[in-house]
PDB file of N, CA and C in Angstrom:
ATOM      1  N   MET A   1      90.205  86.679  87.967  1.00  0.00           N
ATOM      2  CA  MET A   1      90.178  85.243  87.812  1.00  0.00           C
ATOM      3  C   MET A   1      89.731  84.899  86.404  1.00  0.00           C
ATOM      4  N   ALA A   2      90.389  83.944  85.821  1.00  0.00           N
ATOM      5  CA  ALA A   2      90.086  83.587  84.450  1.00  0.00           C
ATOM      6  C   ALA A   2      89.406  82.233  84.325  1.00  0.00           C
ATOM      7  N   GLY A   3      89.068  81.641  85.421  1.00  0.00           N
ATOM      8  CA  GLY A   3      88.390  80.361  85.372  1.00  0.00           C
ATOM      9  C   GLY A   3      87.926  79.972  86.747  1.00  0.00           C
ATOM     10  N   SER A   4      87.177  78.887  86.809  1.00  0.00           N
ATOM     11  CA  SER A   4      86.691  78.424  88.100  1.00  0.00           C
ATOM     12  C   SER A   4      87.845  77.836  88.901  1.00  0.00           C
ATOM     13  N   LYS A   5      87.646  77.758  90.222  1.00  0.00           N
ATOM     14  CA  LYS A   5      88.697  77.236  91.103  1.00  0.00           C
ATOM     15  C   LYS A   5      89.090  75.835  90.638  1.00  0.00           C
ATOM     16  N   GLY A   6      90.386  75.625  90.532  1.00  0.00           N
ATOM     17  CA  GLY A   6      90.903  74.350  90.061  1.00  0.00           C
ATOM     18  C   GLY A   6      91.181  74.342  88.565  1.00  0.00           C
ATOM     19  N   SER A   7      90.652  75.297  87.830  1.00  0.00           N
ATOM     20  CA  SER A   7      90.916  75.366  86.398  1.00  0.00           C
ATOM     21  C   SER A   7      92.365  75.763  86.177  1.00  0.00           C
ATOM     22  N   LYS A   8      92.942  75.361  85.069  1.00  0.00           N
ATOM     23  CA  LYS A   8      94.352  75.678  84.814  1.00  0.00           C
ATOM     24  C   LYS A   8      94.588  77.171  84.599  1.00  0.00           C
ATOM     25  N   TYR A   9      93.535  77.931  84.374  1.00  0.00           N
ATOM     26  CA  TYR A   9      93.665  79.377  84.187  1.00  0.00           C
ATOM     27  C   TYR A   9      93.223  80.169  85.410  1.00  0.00           C
ATOM     28  N   TYR A  10      92.971  79.510  86.516  1.00  0.00           N
ATOM     29  CA  TYR A  10      92.421  80.162  87.710  1.00  0.00           C
ATOM     30  C   TYR A  10      93.272  81.343  88.190  1.00  0.00           C
ATOM     31  N   ASP A  11      94.572  81.211  88.190  1.00  0.00           N
ATOM     32  CA  ASP A  11      95.459  82.259  88.700  1.00  0.00           C
ATOM     33  C   ASP A  11      96.037  83.155  87.600  1.00  0.00           C
ATOM     34  N   ILE A  12      95.493  83.100  86.410  1.00  0.00           N
ATOM     35  CA  ILE A  12      96.008  83.859  85.279  1.00  0.00           C
ATOM     36  C   ILE A  12      95.114  85.080  85.043  1.00  0.00           C
ATOM     37  N   PHE A  13      95.754  86.211  84.829  1.00  0.00           N
ATOM     38  CA  PHE A  13      95.031  87.464  84.588  1.00  0.00           C
ATOM     39  C   PHE A  13      95.566  88.124  83.328  1.00  0.00           C
ATOM     40  N   LEU A  14      94.723  88.843  82.663  1.00  0.00           N
ATOM     41  CA  LEU A  14      95.130  89.633  81.511  1.00  0.00           C
ATOM     42  C   LEU A  14      95.203  91.075  81.969  1.00  0.00           C
ATOM     43  N   ASP A  15      96.342  91.712  81.739  1.00  0.00           N
ATOM     44  CA  ASP A  15      96.526  93.091  82.165  1.00  0.00           C
ATOM     45  C   ASP A  15      96.952  93.914  80.959  1.00  0.00           C
ATOM     46  N   TYR A  16      96.849  95.216  81.067  1.00  0.00           N
ATOM     47  CA  TYR A  16      97.243  96.112  79.993  1.00  0.00           C
ATOM     48  C   TYR A  16      97.692  97.430  80.601  1.00  0.00           C
ATOM     49  N   SER A  17      98.326  98.234  79.783  1.00  0.00           N
ATOM     50  CA  SER A  17      98.711  99.567  80.238  1.00  0.00           C
ATOM     51  C   SER A  17      98.433 100.564  79.129  1.00  0.00           C
ATOM     52  N   ILE A  18      98.240 101.802  79.534  1.00  0.00           N
ATOM     53  CA  ILE A  18      98.021 102.900  78.600  1.00  0.00           C
ATOM     54  C   ILE A  18      99.128 103.904  78.858  1.00  0.00           C
ATOM     55  N   GLN A  19      99.777 104.338  77.800  1.00  0.00           N
ATOM     56  CA  GLN A  19     100.793 105.362  77.981  1.00  0.00           C
ATOM     57  C   GLN A  19     100.699 106.365  76.838  1.00  0.00           C
ATOM     58  N   LEU A  20     101.133 107.571  77.124  1.00  0.00           N
ATOM     59  CA  LEU A  20     101.208 108.637  76.132  1.00  0.00           C
ATOM     60  C   LEU A  20     102.622 108.652  75.582  1.00  0.00           C
ATOM     61  N   ASN A  21     102.752 108.613  74.271  1.00  0.00           N
ATOM     62  CA  ASN A  21     104.060 108.635  73.627  1.00  0.00           C
ATOM     63  C   ASN A  21     104.147 109.811  72.666  1.00  0.00           C
ATOM     64  N   HIS A  22     105.336 110.369  72.559  1.00  0.00           N
ATOM     65  CA  HIS A  22     105.631 111.388  71.564  1.00  0.00           C
ATOM     66  C   HIS A  22     106.196 110.645  70.362  1.00  0.00           C
ATOM     67  N   LYS A  23     105.771 111.008  69.168  1.00  0.00           N
ATOM     68  CA  LYS A  23     106.198 110.228  68.002  1.00  0.00           C
ATOM     69  C   LYS A  23     107.702 110.292  67.756  1.00  0.00           C
ATOM     70  N   LYS A  24     108.385 111.326  68.255  1.00  0.00           N
ATOM     71  CA  LYS A  24     109.834 111.422  68.055  1.00  0.00           C
ATOM     72  C   LYS A  24     110.634 110.992  69.273  1.00  0.00           C
ATOM     73  N   THR A  25     110.160 111.344  70.465  1.00  0.00           N
ATOM     74  CA  THR A  25     110.978 111.112  71.665  1.00  0.00           C
ATOM     75  C   THR A  25     110.530 109.928  72.511  1.00  0.00           C
ATOM     76  N   GLY A  26     109.409 109.333  72.196  1.00  0.00           N
ATOM     77  CA  GLY A  26     108.959 108.150  72.933  1.00  0.00           C
ATOM     78  C   GLY A  26     108.026 108.465  74.085  1.00  0.00           C
ATOM     79  N   GLU A  27     108.125 107.651  75.134  1.00  0.00           N
ATOM     80  CA  GLU A  27     107.183 107.712  76.253  1.00  0.00           C
ATOM     81  C   GLU A  27     107.209 109.051  76.980  1.00  0.00           C
ATOM     82  N   ILE A  28     106.002 109.586  77.195  1.00  0.00           N
ATOM     83  CA  ILE A  28     105.830 110.814  77.963  1.00  0.00           C
ATOM     84  C   ILE A  28     105.212 110.484  79.314  1.00  0.00           C
ATOM     85  N   MET A  29     104.148 109.696  79.294  1.00  0.00           N
ATOM     86  CA  MET A  29     103.414 109.378  80.529  1.00  0.00           C
ATOM     87  C   MET A  29     102.977 107.928  80.516  1.00  0.00           C
ATOM     88  N   ASN A  30     103.108 107.286  81.676  1.00  0.00           N
ATOM     89  CA  ASN A  30     102.582 105.932  81.853  1.00  0.00           C
ATOM     90  C   ASN A  30     101.686 105.931  83.093  1.00  0.00           C
ATOM     91  N   SER A  31     101.271 104.775  83.531  1.00  0.00           N
ATOM     92  CA  SER A  31     100.331 104.709  84.656  1.00  0.00           C
ATOM     93  C   SER A  31     100.918 105.291  85.945  1.00  0.00           C
ATOM     94  N   LEU A  32     102.232 105.172  86.150  1.00  0.00           N
ATOM     95  CA  LEU A  32     102.877 105.771  87.325  1.00  0.00           C
ATOM     96  C   LEU A  32     102.746 107.295  87.288  1.00  0.00           C
ATOM     97  N   HIS A  33     102.960 107.874  86.125  1.00  0.00           N
ATOM     98  CA  HIS A  33     102.863 109.326  85.982  1.00  0.00           C
ATOM     99  C   HIS A  33     101.435 109.813  86.270  1.00  0.00           C
ATOM    100  N   PHE A  34     100.460 109.102  85.725  1.00  0.00           N
ATOM    101  CA  PHE A  34      99.069 109.472  85.975  1.00  0.00           C
ATOM    102  C   PHE A  34      98.734 109.325  87.456  1.00  0.00           C
ATOM    103  N   ALA A  35      99.227 108.264  88.073  1.00  0.00           N
ATOM    104  CA  ALA A  35      98.980 108.057  89.506  1.00  0.00           C
ATOM    105  C   ALA A  35      99.610 109.173  90.328  1.00  0.00           C
ATOM    106  N   LEU A  36     100.799 109.620  89.942  1.00  0.00           N
ATOM    107  CA  LEU A  36     101.457 110.716  90.643  1.00  0.00           C
ATOM    108  C   LEU A  36     100.622 111.993  90.544  1.00  0.00           C
ATOM    109  N   LEU A  37     100.140 112.315  89.354  1.00  0.00           N
ATOM    110  CA  LEU A  37      99.299 113.508  89.201  1.00  0.00           C
ATOM    111  C   LEU A  37      98.019 113.395  90.023  1.00  0.00           C
ATOM    112  N   ASN A  38      97.413 112.214  90.031  1.00  0.00           N
ATOM    113  CA  ASN A  38      96.210 112.010  90.865  1.00  0.00           C
ATOM    114  C   ASN A  38      96.517 112.217  92.336  1.00  0.00           C
ATOM    115  N   ALA A  39      97.643 111.692  92.792  1.00  0.00           N
ATOM    116  CA  ALA A  39      98.027 111.842  94.200  1.00  0.00           C
ATOM    117  C   ALA A  39      98.284 113.313  94.535  1.00  0.00           C
ATOM    118  N   ILE A  40      98.914 114.030  93.624  1.00  0.00           N
ATOM    119  CA  ILE A  40      99.155 115.461  93.847  1.00  0.00           C
ATOM    120  C   ILE A  40      97.826 116.201  93.937  1.00  0.00           C
ATOM    121  N   GLU A  41      96.899 115.854  93.055  1.00  0.00           N
ATOM    122  CA  GLU A  41      95.584 116.508  93.103  1.00  0.00           C
ATOM    123  C   GLU A  41      94.883 116.221  94.435  1.00  0.00           C
ATOM    124  N   ASP A  42      94.957 114.981  94.880  1.00  0.00           N
ATOM    125  CA  ASP A  42      94.287 114.590  96.124  1.00  0.00           C
ATOM    126  C   ASP A  42      94.959 115.168  97.368  1.00  0.00           C
ATOM    127  N   ILE A  43      96.298 115.183  97.378  1.00  0.00           N
ATOM    128  CA  ILE A  43      97.051 115.530  98.586  1.00  0.00           C
ATOM    129  C   ILE A  43      97.487 116.992  98.613  1.00  0.00           C
ATOM    130  N   GLY A  44      97.797 117.556  97.441  1.00  0.00           N
ATOM    131  CA  GLY A  44      98.220 118.953  97.385  1.00  0.00           C
ATOM    132  C   GLY A  44      99.686 119.180  97.682  1.00  0.00           C
ATOM    133  N   SER A  45     100.496 118.116  97.561  1.00  0.00           N
ATOM    134  CA  SER A  45     101.923 118.222  97.848  1.00  0.00           C
ATOM    135  C   SER A  45     102.667 117.158  97.059  1.00  0.00           C
ATOM    136  N   ILE A  46     103.698 117.576  96.347  1.00  0.00           N
ATOM    137  CA  ILE A  46     104.513 116.602  95.619  1.00  0.00           C
ATOM    138  C   ILE A  46     105.238 115.695  96.603  1.00  0.00           C
ATOM    139  N   LYS A  47     105.773 116.281  97.659  1.00  0.00           N
ATOM    140  CA  LYS A  47     106.518 115.498  98.647  1.00  0.00           C
ATOM    141  C   LYS A  47     105.628 114.413  99.264  1.00  0.00           C
ATOM    142  N   GLU A  48     104.445 114.791  99.702  1.00  0.00           N
ATOM    143  CA  GLU A  48     103.557 113.812 100.326  1.00  0.00           C
ATOM    144  C   GLU A  48     103.003 112.820  99.313  1.00  0.00           C
ATOM    145  N   ALA A  49     102.754 113.270  98.077  1.00  0.00           N
ATOM    146  CA  ALA A  49     102.286 112.359  97.032  1.00  0.00           C
ATOM    147  C   ALA A  49     103.353 111.312  96.738  1.00  0.00           C
ATOM    148  N   ALA A  50     104.619 111.760  96.674  1.00  0.00           N
ATOM    149  CA  ALA A  50     105.727 110.824  96.433  1.00  0.00           C
ATOM    150  C   ALA A  50     105.828 109.809  97.570  1.00  0.00           C
ATOM    151  N   GLU A  51     105.755 110.289  98.811  1.00  0.00           N
ATOM    152  CA  GLU A  51     105.804 109.378  99.967  1.00  0.00           C
ATOM    153  C   GLU A  51     104.662 108.373  99.910  1.00  0.00           C
ATOM    154  N   HIS A  52     103.475 108.848  99.593  1.00  0.00           N
ATOM    155  CA  HIS A  52     102.288 107.991  99.501  1.00  0.00           C
ATOM    156  C   HIS A  52     102.498 106.885  98.460  1.00  0.00           C
ATOM    157  N   MET A  53     103.198 107.222  97.377  1.00  0.00           N
ATOM    158  CA  MET A  53     103.418 106.260  96.298  1.00  0.00           C
ATOM    159  C   MET A  53     104.665 105.410  96.492  1.00  0.00           C
ATOM    160  N   GLY A  54     105.462 105.743  97.498  1.00  0.00           N
ATOM    161  CA  GLY A  54     106.671 104.968  97.748  1.00  0.00           C
ATOM    162  C   GLY A  54     107.813 105.295  96.797  1.00  0.00           C
ATOM    163  N   ILE A  55     107.835 106.521  96.283  1.00  0.00           N
ATOM    164  CA  ILE A  55     108.941 106.952  95.439  1.00  0.00           C
ATOM    165  C   ILE A  55     109.588 108.177  96.089  1.00  0.00           C
ATOM    166  N   SER A  56     110.792 108.477  95.680  1.00  0.00           N
ATOM    167  CA  SER A  56     111.478 109.623  96.270  1.00  0.00           C
ATOM    168  C   SER A  56     110.923 110.930  95.713  1.00  0.00           C
ATOM    169  N   TYR A  57     111.097 111.967  96.495  1.00  0.00           N
ATOM    170  CA  TYR A  57     110.701 113.315  96.068  1.00  0.00           C
ATOM    171  C   TYR A  57     111.457 113.685  94.795  1.00  0.00           C
ATOM    172  N   ARG A  58     112.725 113.366  94.758  1.00  0.00           N
ATOM    173  CA  ARG A  58     113.563 113.666  93.586  1.00  0.00           C
ATOM    174  C   ARG A  58     113.028 112.971  92.335  1.00  0.00           C
ATOM    175  N   LYS A  59     112.639 111.704  92.477  1.00  0.00           N
ATOM    176  CA  LYS A  59     112.082 110.968  91.333  1.00  0.00           C
ATOM    177  C   LYS A  59     110.772 111.606  90.889  1.00  0.00           C
ATOM    178  N   ALA A  60     109.919 111.980  91.840  1.00  0.00           N
ATOM    179  CA  ALA A  60     108.640 112.615  91.506  1.00  0.00           C
ATOM    180  C   ALA A  60     108.872 113.907  90.730  1.00  0.00           C
ATOM    181  N   TRP A  61     109.813 114.724  91.202  1.00  0.00           N
ATOM    182  CA  TRP A  61     110.125 115.972  90.510  1.00  0.00           C
ATOM    183  C   TRP A  61     110.666 115.700  89.120  1.00  0.00           C
ATOM    184  N   GLY A  62     111.507 114.703  88.998  1.00  0.00           N
ATOM    185  CA  GLY A  62     112.054 114.337  87.688  1.00  0.00           C
ATOM    186  C   GLY A  62     110.958 113.931  86.724  1.00  0.00           C
ATOM    187  N   ILE A  63     110.002 113.152  87.213  1.00  0.00           N
ATOM    188  CA  ILE A  63     108.873 112.722  86.386  1.00  0.00           C
ATOM    189  C   ILE A  63     108.091 113.941  85.893  1.00  0.00           C
ATOM    190  N   ILE A  64     107.796 114.838  86.811  1.00  0.00           N
ATOM    191  CA  ILE A  64     107.006 116.025  86.457  1.00  0.00           C
ATOM    192  C   ILE A  64     107.758 116.908  85.469  1.00  0.00           C
ATOM    193  N   GLN A  65     109.028 117.147  85.725  1.00  0.00           N
ATOM    194  CA  GLN A  65     109.817 118.004  84.835  1.00  0.00           C
ATOM    195  C   GLN A  65     109.910 117.424  83.425  1.00  0.00           C
ATOM    196  N   LYS A  66     110.178 116.133  83.333  1.00  0.00           N
ATOM    197  CA  LYS A  66     110.264 115.486  82.008  1.00  0.00           C
ATOM    198  C   LYS A  66     108.910 115.523  81.313  1.00  0.00           C
ATOM    199  N   MET A  67     107.851 115.249  82.068  1.00  0.00           N
ATOM    200  CA  MET A  67     106.508 115.263  81.516  1.00  0.00           C
ATOM    201  C   MET A  67     106.181 116.637  80.936  1.00  0.00           C
ATOM    202  N   GLU A  68     106.437 117.677  81.709  1.00  0.00           N
ATOM    203  CA  GLU A  68     106.136 119.042  81.260  1.00  0.00           C
ATOM    204  C   GLU A  68     106.988 119.425  80.045  1.00  0.00           C
ATOM    205  N   GLU A  69     108.233 119.006  80.039  1.00  0.00           N
ATOM    206  CA  GLU A  69     109.117 119.293  78.910  1.00  0.00           C
ATOM    207  C   GLU A  69     108.593 118.629  77.636  1.00  0.00           C
ATOM    208  N   GLU A  70     108.226 117.361  77.748  1.00  0.00           N
ATOM    209  CA  GLU A  70     107.742 116.610  76.587  1.00  0.00           C
ATOM    210  C   GLU A  70     106.373 117.101  76.108  1.00  0.00           C
ATOM    211  N   LEU A  71     105.497 117.435  77.063  1.00  0.00           N
ATOM    212  CA  LEU A  71     104.157 117.903  76.702  1.00  0.00           C
ATOM    213  C   LEU A  71     104.171 119.327  76.156  1.00  0.00           C
ATOM    214  N   GLY A  72     105.098 120.139  76.655  1.00  0.00           N
ATOM    215  CA  GLY A  72     105.172 121.519  76.214  1.00  0.00           C
ATOM    216  C   GLY A  72     104.280 122.463  77.008  1.00  0.00           C
ATOM    217  N   PHE A  73     103.777 121.990  78.149  1.00  0.00           N
ATOM    218  CA  PHE A  73     102.978 122.842  79.030  1.00  0.00           C
ATOM    219  C   PHE A  73     103.099 122.348  80.460  1.00  0.00           C
ATOM    220  N   SER A  74     102.763 123.229  81.403  1.00  0.00           N
ATOM    221  CA  SER A  74     102.837 122.880  82.830  1.00  0.00           C
ATOM    222  C   SER A  74     101.639 122.040  83.237  1.00  0.00           C
ATOM    223  N   VAL A  75     101.900 121.066  84.103  1.00  0.00           N
ATOM    224  CA  VAL A  75     100.805 120.252  84.651  1.00  0.00           C
ATOM    225  C   VAL A  75     100.595 120.534  86.135  1.00  0.00           C
ATOM    226  N   VAL A  76     101.570 121.211  86.765  1.00  0.00           N
ATOM    227  CA  VAL A  76     101.425 121.568  88.175  1.00  0.00           C
ATOM    228  C   VAL A  76     101.750 123.044  88.397  1.00  0.00           C
ATOM    229  N   ASN A  77     101.078 123.613  89.386  1.00  0.00           N
ATOM    230  CA  ASN A  77     101.393 124.944  89.904  1.00  0.00           C
ATOM    231  C   ASN A  77     102.144 124.728  91.204  1.00  0.00           C
ATOM    232  N   ARG A  78     103.275 125.380  91.340  1.00  0.00           N
ATOM    233  CA  ARG A  78     104.108 125.213  92.533  1.00  0.00           C
ATOM    234  C   ARG A  78     104.048 126.469  93.396  1.00  0.00           C
ATOM    235  N   GLN A  79     103.874 126.265  94.670  1.00  0.00           N
ATOM    236  CA  GLN A  79     103.961 127.367  95.634  1.00  0.00           C
ATOM    237  C   GLN A  79     105.002 126.948  96.657  1.00  0.00           C
ATOM    238  N   ARG A  80     106.105 127.652  96.665  1.00  0.00           N
ATOM    239  CA  ARG A  80     107.213 127.284  97.559  1.00  0.00           C
ATOM    240  C   ARG A  80     106.785 127.315  99.007  1.00  0.00           C
ATOM    241  N   GLY A  81     107.528 126.591  99.810  1.00  0.00           N
ATOM    242  CA  GLY A  81     107.274 126.518 101.245  1.00  0.00           C
ATOM    243  C   GLY A  81     107.508 127.842 101.941  1.00  0.00           C
ATOM    244  N   GLY A  82     107.445 127.811 103.180  1.00  0.00           N
ATOM    245  CA  GLY A  82     107.591 128.982 104.024  1.00  0.00           C
ATOM    246  C   GLY A  82     107.166 128.556 105.411  1.00  0.00           C
ATOM    247  N   SER A  83     106.682 129.476 106.165  1.00  0.00           N
ATOM    248  CA  SER A  83     106.273 129.120 107.525  1.00  0.00           C
ATOM    249  C   SER A  83     105.089 128.151 107.532  1.00  0.00           C
ATOM    250  N   HIS A  84     104.285 128.173 106.472  1.00  0.00           N
ATOM    251  CA  HIS A  84     103.119 127.278 106.416  1.00  0.00           C
ATOM    252  C   HIS A  84     103.322 126.108 105.457  1.00  0.00           C
ATOM    253  N   GLY A  85     104.514 125.987 104.895  1.00  0.00           N
ATOM    254  CA  GLY A  85     104.800 124.886 103.989  1.00  0.00           C
ATOM    255  C   GLY A  85     104.384 125.201 102.567  1.00  0.00           C
ATOM    256  N   GLY A  86     104.866 124.401 101.635  1.00  0.00           N
ATOM    257  CA  GLY A  86     104.551 124.587 100.228  1.00  0.00           C
ATOM    258  C   GLY A  86     103.248 123.918  99.846  1.00  0.00           C
ATOM    259  N   LYS A  87     102.872 124.146  98.610  1.00  0.00           N
ATOM    260  CA  LYS A  87     101.616 123.595  98.118  1.00  0.00           C
ATOM    261  C   LYS A  87     101.769 123.363  96.621  1.00  0.00           C
ATOM    262  N   THR A  88     101.241 122.296  96.121  1.00  0.00           N
ATOM    263  CA  THR A  88     101.257 122.012  94.693  1.00  0.00           C
ATOM    264  C   THR A  88      99.851 121.649  94.263  1.00  0.00           C
ATOM    265  N   THR A  89      99.397 122.285  93.214  1.00  0.00           N
ATOM    266  CA  THR A  89      98.092 121.971  92.629  1.00  0.00           C
ATOM    267  C   THR A  89      98.299 121.677  91.156  1.00  0.00           C
ATOM    268  N   LEU A  90      97.335 121.030  90.561  1.00  0.00           N
ATOM    269  CA  LEU A  90      97.409 120.785  89.125  1.00  0.00           C
ATOM    270  C   LEU A  90      96.915 122.011  88.373  1.00  0.00           C
ATOM    271  N   THR A  91      97.530 122.262  87.235  1.00  0.00           N
ATOM    272  CA  THR A  91      97.051 123.314  86.356  1.00  0.00           C
ATOM    273  C   THR A  91      95.740 122.839  85.721  1.00  0.00           C
ATOM    274  N   GLU A  92      95.078 123.733  85.037  1.00  0.00           N
ATOM    275  CA  GLU A  92      93.854 123.348  84.318  1.00  0.00           C
ATOM    276  C   GLU A  92      94.159 122.245  83.307  1.00  0.00           C
ATOM    277  N   ASP A  93      95.289 122.373  82.615  1.00  0.00           N
ATOM    278  CA  ASP A  93      95.694 121.333  81.658  1.00  0.00           C
ATOM    279  C   ASP A  93      95.987 120.011  82.364  1.00  0.00           C
ATOM    280  N   GLY A  94      96.618 120.068  83.530  1.00  0.00           N
ATOM    281  CA  GLY A  94      96.900 118.860  84.299  1.00  0.00           C
ATOM    282  C   GLY A  94      95.618 118.159  84.730  1.00  0.00           C
ATOM    283  N   ILE A  95      94.643 118.946  85.170  1.00  0.00           N
ATOM    284  CA  ILE A  95      93.347 118.388  85.576  1.00  0.00           C
ATOM    285  C   ILE A  95      92.645 117.746  84.388  1.00  0.00           C
ATOM    286  N   LYS A  96      92.631 118.428  83.255  1.00  0.00           N
ATOM    287  CA  LYS A  96      92.005 117.869  82.047  1.00  0.00           C
ATOM    288  C   LYS A  96      92.672 116.556  81.657  1.00  0.00           C
ATOM    289  N   LEU A  97      93.988 116.536  81.753  1.00  0.00           N
ATOM    290  CA  LEU A  97      94.749 115.354  81.373  1.00  0.00           C
ATOM    291  C   LEU A  97      94.383 114.148  82.230  1.00  0.00           C
ATOM    292  N   ILE A  98      94.372 114.319  83.553  1.00  0.00           N
ATOM    293  CA  ILE A  98      94.076 113.152  84.396  1.00  0.00           C
ATOM    294  C   ILE A  98      92.602 112.768  84.331  1.00  0.00           C
ATOM    295  N   HIS A  99      91.716 113.716  84.134  1.00  0.00           N
ATOM    296  CA  HIS A  99      90.297 113.366  84.020  1.00  0.00           C
ATOM    297  C   HIS A  99      90.023 112.637  82.699  1.00  0.00           C
ATOM    298  N   ALA A 100      90.656 113.103  81.621  1.00  0.00           N
ATOM    299  CA  ALA A 100      90.502 112.416  80.335  1.00  0.00           C
ATOM    300  C   ALA A 100      91.084 111.004  80.419  1.00  0.00           C
ATOM    301  N   TYR A 101      92.240 110.868  81.073  1.00  0.00           N
ATOM    302  CA  TYR A 101      92.859 109.561  81.241  1.00  0.00           C
ATOM    303  C   TYR A 101      91.945 108.636  82.045  1.00  0.00           C
ATOM    304  N   SER A 102      91.362 109.161  83.111  1.00  0.00           N
ATOM    305  CA  SER A 102      90.468 108.342  83.948  1.00  0.00           C
ATOM    306  C   SER A 102      89.279 107.840  83.145  1.00  0.00           C
ATOM    307  N   GLY A 103      88.697 108.720  82.342  1.00  0.00           N
ATOM    308  CA  GLY A 103      87.571 108.307  81.495  1.00  0.00           C
ATOM    309  C   GLY A 103      87.982 107.266  80.475  1.00  0.00           C
ATOM    310  N   LEU A 104      89.145 107.478  79.864  1.00  0.00           N
ATOM    311  CA  LEU A 104      89.664 106.515  78.898  1.00  0.00           C
ATOM    312  C   LEU A 104      89.917 105.175  79.565  1.00  0.00           C
ATOM    313  N   ARG A 105      90.517 105.215  80.747  1.00  0.00           N
ATOM    314  CA  ARG A 105      90.820 103.983  81.483  1.00  0.00           C
ATOM    315  C   ARG A 105      89.539 103.219  81.811  1.00  0.00           C
ATOM    316  N   GLU A 106      88.487 103.935  82.214  1.00  0.00           N
ATOM    317  CA  GLU A 106      87.202 103.285  82.504  1.00  0.00           C
ATOM    318  C   GLU A 106      86.657 102.569  81.274  1.00  0.00           C
ATOM    319  N   GLU A 107      86.710 103.242  80.127  1.00  0.00           N
ATOM    320  CA  GLU A 107      86.215 102.642  78.882  1.00  0.00           C
ATOM    321  C   GLU A 107      87.047 101.419  78.506  1.00  0.00           C
ATOM    322  N   PHE A 108      88.364 101.543  78.631  1.00  0.00           N
ATOM    323  CA  PHE A 108      89.233 100.399  78.351  1.00  0.00           C
ATOM    324  C   PHE A 108      88.916  99.251  79.305  1.00  0.00           C
ATOM    325  N   ASP A 109      88.748  99.551  80.596  1.00  0.00           N
ATOM    326  CA  ASP A 109      88.456  98.510  81.585  1.00  0.00           C
ATOM    327  C   ASP A 109      87.205  97.730  81.215  1.00  0.00           C
ATOM    328  N   LYS A 110      86.150  98.452  80.820  1.00  0.00           N
ATOM    329  CA  LYS A 110      84.897  97.782  80.429  1.00  0.00           C
ATOM    330  C   LYS A 110      85.126  96.884  79.218  1.00  0.00           C
ATOM    331  N   SER A 111      85.779  97.429  78.207  1.00  0.00           N
ATOM    332  CA  SER A 111      86.022  96.659  76.981  1.00  0.00           C
ATOM    333  C   SER A 111      86.938  95.471  77.238  1.00  0.00           C
ATOM    334  N   ILE A 112      88.007  95.698  77.982  1.00  0.00           N
ATOM    335  CA  ILE A 112      88.954  94.625  78.285  1.00  0.00           C
ATOM    336  C   ILE A 112      88.272  93.522  79.098  1.00  0.00           C
ATOM    337  N   HIS A 113      87.429  93.914  80.044  1.00  0.00           N
ATOM    338  CA  HIS A 113      86.706  92.918  80.843  1.00  0.00           C
ATOM    339  C   HIS A 113      85.889  92.009  79.930  1.00  0.00           C
ATOM    340  N   ASP A 114      85.137  92.601  79.023  1.00  0.00           N
ATOM    341  CA  ASP A 114      84.300  91.808  78.113  1.00  0.00           C
ATOM    342  C   ASP A 114      85.151  90.930  77.194  1.00  0.00           C
ATOM    343  N   MET A 115      86.205  91.496  76.649  1.00  0.00           N
ATOM    344  CA  MET A 115      87.072  90.727  75.748  1.00  0.00           C
ATOM    345  C   MET A 115      87.801  89.605  76.498  1.00  0.00           C
ATOM    346  N   THR A 116      88.244  89.903  77.707  1.00  0.00           N
ATOM    347  CA  THR A 116      88.953  88.904  78.502  1.00  0.00           C
ATOM    348  C   THR A 116      88.024  87.758  78.881  1.00  0.00           C
ATOM    349  N   LYS A 117      86.809  88.107  79.255  1.00  0.00           N
ATOM    350  CA  LYS A 117      85.826  87.077  79.603  1.00  0.00           C
ATOM    351  C   LYS A 117      85.610  86.135  78.421  1.00  0.00           C
ATOM    352  N   LYS A 118      85.442  86.708  77.239  1.00  0.00           N
ATOM    353  CA  LYS A 118      85.248  85.898  76.031  1.00  0.00           C
ATOM    354  C   LYS A 118      86.491  85.054  75.749  1.00  0.00           C
ATOM    355  N   PHE A 119      87.677  85.663  75.891  1.00  0.00           N
ATOM    356  CA  PHE A 119      88.932  84.958  75.641  1.00  0.00           C
ATOM    357  C   PHE A 119      89.065  83.721  76.537  1.00  0.00           C
ATOM    358  N   PHE A 120      88.845  83.908  77.837  1.00  0.00           N
ATOM    359  CA  PHE A 120      89.006  82.791  78.756  1.00  0.00           C
ATOM    360  C   PHE A 120      87.865  81.777  78.655  1.00  0.00           C
ATOM    361  N   GLN A 121      86.684  82.222  78.250  1.00  0.00           N
ATOM    362  CA  GLN A 121      85.596  81.264  78.021  1.00  0.00           C
ATOM    363  C   GLN A 121      85.972  80.323  76.884  1.00  0.00           C
ATOM    364  N   GLU A 122      86.576  80.883  75.842  1.00  0.00           N
ATOM    365  CA  GLU A 122      87.011  80.054  74.716  1.00  0.00           C
ATOM    366  C   GLU A 122      88.096  79.074  75.157  1.00  0.00           C
ATOM    367  N   LEU A 123      89.022  79.530  75.998  1.00  0.00           N
ATOM    368  CA  LEU A 123      90.097  78.652  76.473  1.00  0.00           C
ATOM    369  C   LEU A 123      89.580  77.555  77.368  1.00  0.00           C
ATOM    370  N   ASN A 124      88.569  77.856  78.180  1.00  0.00           N
ATOM    371  CA  ASN A 124      88.074  76.905  79.166  1.00  0.00           C
ATOM    372  C   ASN A 124      87.063  75.918  78.599  1.00  0.00           C
ATOM    373  N   HIS A 125      86.675  76.070  77.348  1.00  0.00           N
ATOM    374  CA  HIS A 125      85.706  75.118  76.758  1.00  0.00           C
ATOM    375  C   HIS A 125      86.322  74.318  75.665  1.00  0.00           C
TER     376      HIS A 125
END
């Protein structure tokens, strides 16, 4: 909320996104990609992580493959199915990536909150 109830800015929000870009090829990772990696870490399955996020398994695999190609390293370890089903875990690099992103996002959230509060205070006075 950017103002008190009834204020002209009451339903207005300031949002932002963080993405990783390659200087030559462009976007590597955005918030959807980070969310997918988090879901894989939590659930242990690309298929179930994709279902949880409301995207297709094929799209999830495409995201991971493109991400790994652009980054130049693996972010997931794959164990094919069988009688007990498959399993996917994040590599050490994948874990570092999502943990660093989470920390960065927290810092941005704090800063953005303070800046947004100041911005809307100026607008409302």
